[in-house]
């Protein structure tokens, strides 16, 4: 028996839905941005900042796409569908991880500022050792937070499943695919950032990285021997050399070197913070836009 024209689902799917075609400038723009982010390799703070800039541009394009009348009409007809809840849950997950990353960077910035202040005041070897130990303890606390965040994130991604879209038309399937892929790219970028701060071991992702592993470039480097040493690892090496200095001249040389590296770390952290702040605002904007469309 044919479904009644008064049935909600029948009525909804009978309507004409026309999302922007693949040749639409915005669609082409989003596809190009996704391709560049998939192909990128974040092996330094500068490349991570560059990728965060690319992610910001991607969300700007997604927001433009969501504001098109045809997109809003199509999504409004999908309210109550399971995939909508999945997208909204994913946006919350991205916001949570982004918030954790911002908190981590804020804590690191405080650690760096305190050690900088101490190095300016202290010259004695025993006093330096105490300050360096305090810095290392703070770093370990930050690393513990990162490890938990990465563990939770990777566990969710590994076991995550998506609802079927077999009963949806091509336009909706394409839109949902883009939104899922944007979330995957976003979480992958956050993973790279947190792993970079934490160190080489965190870069080793477990098997079954699910959707993300299929979307990011398979050439991504995870080998410690070819990974560029991060500013944070360099700081650890320099502080170790500082404490191991046997002569007054060597101590003075390492002291200056440590101060310079702390300045470099401070700048890197600030750049990463600025990038994350931009992403955080756009994550909120995208979520609010989707919620507004669904509540129309």
Protein backbone atom coordinates (compact mmCIF):
# COMPACT_ATOMS: atom_id res chain seq x y z
CA UNK A 1 0.00 0.00 0.00
CA UNK A 2 1.33 3.43 -0.89
CA UNK A 3 2.07 5.68 2.08
CA UNK A 4 -0.57 8.25 2.86
CA UNK A 5 0.32 11.76 1.68
CA UNK A 6 -0.56 12.91 5.20
CA UNK A 7 2.14 10.73 6.78
CA UNK A 8 4.97 13.02 8.08
CA UNK A 9 7.82 11.01 6.57
CA UNK A 10 6.07 10.56 3.28
CA UNK A 11 5.28 14.26 3.15
CA UNK A 12 8.81 15.23 4.01
CA UNK A 13 10.49 13.05 1.42
CA UNK A 14 7.97 14.00 -1.24
CA UNK A 15 9.12 17.61 -1.08
CA UNK A 16 11.79 18.82 -3.40
CA UNK A 17 15.15 19.27 -1.70
CA UNK A 18 17.88 20.97 -3.65
CA UNK A 19 21.19 21.58 -1.88
CA UNK A 20 24.07 23.39 -3.60
CA UNK A 21 25.47 21.23 -6.38
CA UNK A 22 29.10 20.08 -6.54
CA UNK A 23 29.76 22.90 -9.00
CA UNK A 24 28.48 25.55 -6.58
CA UNK A 25 31.38 27.90 -5.58
CA UNK A 26 30.84 27.26 -1.86
CA UNK A 27 30.75 23.49 -2.34
CA UNK A 28 33.96 23.58 -4.37
CA UNK A 29 35.53 25.81 -1.74
CA UNK A 30 34.67 23.41 1.10
CA UNK A 31 35.94 20.40 -0.86
CA UNK A 32 39.23 22.19 -1.59
CA UNK A 33 39.69 23.15 2.07
CA UNK A 34 38.97 19.62 3.25
CA UNK A 35 41.48 18.23 0.75
CA UNK A 36 44.24 20.60 1.93
CA UNK A 37 43.64 19.80 5.59
CA UNK A 38 43.65 16.05 4.92
CA UNK A 39 46.97 16.35 3.12
CA UNK A 40 48.67 18.50 5.76
CA UNK A 41 51.32 17.26 8.17
CA UNK A 42 51.45 19.03 11.55
CA UNK A 43 55.02 18.50 12.78
CA UNK A 44 55.78 21.90 14.31
CA UNK A 45 53.93 24.68 16.13
CA UNK A 46 54.03 26.80 12.96
CA UNK A 47 52.45 24.05 10.83
CA UNK A 48 49.83 23.42 13.52
CA UNK A 49 49.02 27.15 13.60
CA UNK A 50 48.78 27.08 9.81
CA UNK A 51 46.34 24.16 9.98
CA UNK A 52 44.26 25.91 12.63
CA UNK A 53 44.03 28.85 10.24
CA UNK A 54 42.87 26.47 7.51
CA UNK A 55 40.33 24.97 9.90
CA UNK A 56 39.03 28.46 10.72
CA UNK A 57 38.54 29.14 7.00
CA UNK A 58 36.76 25.80 6.60
CA UNK A 59 34.26 26.67 9.33
CA UNK A 60 33.67 30.07 7.75
CA UNK A 61 32.77 28.29 4.51
CA UNK A 62 30.57 25.76 6.33
CA UNK A 63 28.71 28.61 8.03
CA UNK A 64 28.19 30.31 4.68
CA UNK A 65 26.87 27.02 3.31
CA UNK A 66 24.50 26.61 6.27
CA UNK A 67 23.09 30.10 5.71
CA UNK A 68 22.02 29.33 2.13
CA UNK A 69 18.18 29.14 1.96
CA UNK A 70 18.19 25.77 0.22
CA UNK A 71 20.48 24.29 2.88
CA UNK A 72 18.32 25.59 5.70
CA UNK A 73 15.15 24.27 4.07
CA UNK A 74 16.67 20.81 3.61
CA UNK A 75 18.04 20.57 7.17
CA UNK A 76 14.81 21.87 8.71
CA UNK A 77 12.97 18.95 7.13
CA UNK A 78 15.40 16.55 8.83
CA UNK A 79 14.74 17.63 12.43
CA UNK A 80 14.29 14.66 14.73
CA UNK A 81 16.43 12.36 12.59
CA UNK A 82 19.14 10.33 14.32
CA UNK A 83 21.95 11.74 12.21
CA UNK A 84 21.04 15.25 13.40
CA UNK A 85 21.60 14.20 17.01
CA UNK A 86 24.92 12.65 15.98
CA UNK A 87 26.06 15.89 14.37
CA UNK A 88 25.05 17.91 17.44
CA UNK A 89 26.81 15.44 19.76
CA UNK A 90 29.89 15.74 17.57
CA UNK A 91 29.85 19.52 17.79
CA UNK A 92 29.75 19.29 21.60
CA UNK A 93 32.65 16.85 21.54
CA UNK A 94 34.70 19.24 19.41
CA UNK A 95 33.92 22.10 21.78
CA UNK A 96 34.95 20.01 24.81
CA UNK A 97 38.28 19.00 23.28
CA UNK A 98 38.93 22.54 22.11
CA UNK A 99 38.20 23.80 25.62
CA UNK A 100 40.62 21.27 27.12
CA UNK A 101 43.32 22.33 24.66
CA UNK A 102 42.80 25.98 25.58
CA UNK A 103 43.05 25.16 29.31
CA UNK A 104 46.23 23.15 28.73
CA UNK A 105 47.88 26.00 26.83
CA UNK A 106 46.85 28.48 29.52
CA UNK A 107 48.46 26.31 32.21
CA UNK A 108 51.61 25.92 30.13
CA UNK A 109 51.84 29.66 29.63
CA UNK A 110 51.71 30.16 33.39
CA UNK A 111 54.46 27.55 33.89
CA UNK A 112 56.68 29.27 31.32
CA UNK A 113 56.09 32.72 32.84
CA UNK A 114 56.98 31.47 36.33
CA UNK A 115 60.18 29.79 35.14
CA UNK A 116 61.15 32.90 33.14
CA UNK A 117 60.73 35.02 36.24
CA UNK A 118 62.79 32.58 38.30
CA UNK A 119 65.63 32.43 35.79
CA UNK A 120 65.90 36.21 35.79
CA UNK A 121 66.25 36.26 39.58
CA UNK A 122 68.17 33.10 40.34
CA UNK A 123 71.72 32.15 39.40
CA UNK A 124 72.65 29.58 42.06
CA UNK A 125 72.69 25.96 40.91
CA UNK A 126 70.67 24.57 43.83
CA UNK A 127 67.97 27.22 43.50
CA UNK A 128 67.78 26.63 39.76
CA UNK A 129 67.31 22.91 40.34
CA UNK A 130 64.31 23.60 42.58
CA UNK A 131 62.69 25.89 40.01
CA UNK A 132 63.32 23.49 37.15
CA UNK A 133 61.84 20.66 39.21
CA UNK A 134 58.74 22.76 39.89
CA UNK A 135 58.45 23.48 36.15
CA UNK A 136 58.78 19.79 35.30
CA UNK A 137 56.13 18.85 37.86
CA UNK A 138 53.74 21.35 36.31
CA UNK A 139 54.50 19.94 32.86
CA UNK A 140 53.73 16.43 34.09
CA UNK A 141 50.34 17.56 35.39
CA UNK A 142 49.54 19.11 32.02
CA UNK A 143 50.71 15.97 30.21
CA UNK A 144 48.44 13.85 32.42
CA UNK A 145 45.43 15.99 31.43
CA UNK A 146 46.41 15.66 27.76
CA UNK A 147 46.82 11.89 28.02
CA UNK A 148 43.34 11.49 29.50
CA UNK A 149 41.80 13.74 26.86
CA UNK A 150 43.53 11.88 24.01
CA UNK A 151 42.61 8.51 25.50
CA UNK A 152 38.93 9.45 25.76
CA UNK A 153 38.91 11.00 22.29
CA UNK A 154 40.54 8.03 20.59
CA UNK A 155 38.31 5.57 22.42
CA UNK A 156 35.19 7.40 21.23
CA UNK A 157 36.46 7.58 17.66
CA UNK A 158 37.48 3.94 17.60
CA UNK A 159 34.09 2.63 18.69
CA UNK A 160 31.91 5.26 17.08
CA UNK A 161 29.15 4.22 14.68
CA UNK A 162 26.93 6.29 12.41
CA UNK A 163 23.28 5.85 11.61
CA UNK A 164 22.34 4.65 8.15
CA UNK A 165 21.41 7.15 5.47
CA UNK A 166 20.03 4.63 2.97
CA UNK A 167 16.57 6.18 3.03
CA UNK A 168 17.91 9.69 2.37
CA UNK A 169 18.22 11.46 -0.95
CA UNK A 170 21.62 12.22 -2.45
CA UNK A 171 21.67 15.85 -1.34
CA UNK A 172 21.13 15.03 2.33
CA UNK A 173 23.69 12.20 2.21
CA UNK A 174 26.24 14.65 0.75
CA UNK A 175 25.54 17.29 3.40
CA UNK A 176 25.73 14.81 6.27
CA UNK A 177 28.97 13.43 4.82
CA UNK A 178 30.51 16.91 4.79
CA UNK A 179 29.45 17.65 8.38
CA UNK A 180 30.85 14.32 9.57
CA UNK A 181 34.07 14.87 7.72
CA UNK A 182 34.47 18.38 9.13
CA UNK A 183 34.09 16.97 12.65
CA UNK A 184 36.65 14.25 11.92
CA UNK A 185 39.16 16.76 10.55
CA UNK A 186 38.58 19.01 13.56
CA UNK A 187 39.22 16.24 16.08
CA UNK A 188 42.26 15.11 14.11
CA UNK A 189 43.72 18.63 14.29
CA UNK A 190 43.11 18.80 18.04
CA UNK A 191 44.71 15.38 18.42
CA UNK A 192 47.80 16.59 16.55
CA UNK A 193 48.03 19.74 18.67
CA UNK A 194 47.71 17.94 22.01
CA UNK A 195 50.08 15.18 20.90
CA UNK A 196 52.66 17.74 19.79
CA UNK A 197 52.57 19.43 23.19
CA UNK A 198 52.68 16.14 25.08
CA UNK A 199 55.53 14.56 23.12
CA UNK A 200 56.36 11.84 20.57
CA UNK A 201 54.67 8.95 22.44
CA UNK A 202 51.30 10.69 22.22
CA UNK A 203 51.67 10.93 18.44
CA UNK A 204 51.38 7.14 18.13
CA UNK A 205 47.68 6.61 17.51
CA UNK A 206 46.22 3.17 18.18
CA UNK A 207 44.89 0.92 15.44
CA UNK A 208 41.28 1.52 14.55
CA UNK A 209 41.44 5.33 14.42
CA UNK A 210 38.17 4.85 12.56
CA UNK A 211 36.84 7.66 10.37
CA UNK A 212 39.68 10.05 11.18
CA UNK A 213 42.40 7.67 9.99
CA UNK A 214 40.64 7.40 6.65
CA UNK A 215 40.37 11.15 6.22
CA UNK A 216 43.84 12.35 7.16
CA UNK A 217 46.84 11.91 4.91
CA UNK A 218 48.33 8.43 5.24
CA UNK A 219 51.78 10.00 4.86
CA UNK A 220 51.46 11.69 8.27
CA UNK A 221 54.72 11.21 10.14
CA UNK A 222 54.65 9.46 13.51
CA UNK A 223 58.23 8.22 13.66
CA UNK A 224 60.27 9.85 16.44
CA UNK A 225 63.42 9.88 14.32
CA UNK A 226 61.94 12.08 11.61
CA UNK A 227 59.58 14.14 13.74
CA UNK A 228 60.72 17.69 14.23
CA UNK A 229 61.48 18.22 17.90
CA UNK A 230 58.90 20.50 19.44
CA UNK A 231 59.65 23.66 21.40
CA UNK A 232 58.58 21.77 24.52
CA UNK A 233 61.01 18.90 23.93
CA UNK A 234 63.79 21.37 23.16
CA UNK A 235 63.05 23.07 26.49
CA UNK A 236 63.43 19.77 28.32
CA UNK A 237 66.81 19.15 26.68
CA UNK A 238 68.05 22.67 27.45
CA UNK A 239 66.95 22.52 31.08
CA UNK A 240 68.69 19.17 31.46
CA UNK A 241 71.88 20.68 30.04
CA UNK A 242 71.49 23.69 32.35
CA UNK A 243 71.36 21.53 35.45
CA UNK A 244 74.21 19.37 34.17
CA UNK A 245 76.61 22.27 33.60
CA UNK A 246 79.89 21.69 35.46
CA UNK A 247 81.50 25.10 35.05
CA UNK A 248 80.42 28.66 35.77
CA UNK A 249 80.86 29.57 32.10
CA UNK A 250 78.79 26.60 31.00
CA UNK A 251 76.09 27.49 33.50
CA UNK A 252 75.91 31.07 32.20
CA UNK A 253 75.73 29.86 28.59
CA UNK A 254 72.93 27.38 29.32
CA UNK A 255 71.14 30.00 31.40
CA UNK A 256 70.93 32.37 28.42
CA UNK A 257 69.94 29.51 26.13
CA UNK A 258 67.13 28.52 28.47
CA UNK A 259 65.79 32.07 28.60
CA UNK A 260 65.75 32.28 24.80
CA UNK A 261 63.94 28.97 24.49
CA UNK A 262 61.36 30.05 27.06
CA UNK A 263 60.71 33.17 24.99
CA UNK A 264 60.24 30.98 21.91
CA UNK A 265 57.86 28.71 23.82
CA UNK A 266 55.88 31.70 25.03
CA UNK A 267 55.42 32.97 21.47
CA UNK A 268 54.45 29.51 20.21
CA UNK A 269 51.90 29.04 22.98
CA UNK A 270 50.40 32.45 22.26
CA UNK A 271 50.07 31.65 18.55
CA UNK A 272 48.39 28.33 19.35
CA UNK A 273 46.07 30.01 21.85
CA UNK A 274 45.03 32.62 19.30
CA UNK A 275 44.32 29.91 16.73
CA UNK A 276 42.26 27.86 19.17
CA UNK A 277 40.27 30.89 20.25
CA UNK A 278 39.26 31.51 16.63
CA UNK A 279 38.24 27.86 16.21
CA UNK A 280 36.30 27.87 19.50
CA UNK A 281 34.23 30.86 18.39
CA UNK A 282 33.48 29.27 15.04
CA UNK A 283 32.52 25.96 16.62
CA UNK A 284 29.98 27.81 18.75
CA UNK A 285 28.73 29.76 15.73
CA UNK A 286 28.26 26.61 13.65
CA UNK A 287 26.41 24.81 16.46
CA UNK A 288 24.12 27.80 17.07
CA UNK A 289 23.40 28.06 13.34
CA UNK A 290 22.39 24.38 13.11
CA UNK A 291 20.23 24.65 16.24
CA UNK A 292 18.51 27.76 14.89
CA UNK A 293 17.75 26.00 11.61
CA UNK A 294 16.27 23.00 13.42
CA UNK A 295 14.19 25.21 15.72
CA UNK A 296 12.62 27.25 12.93
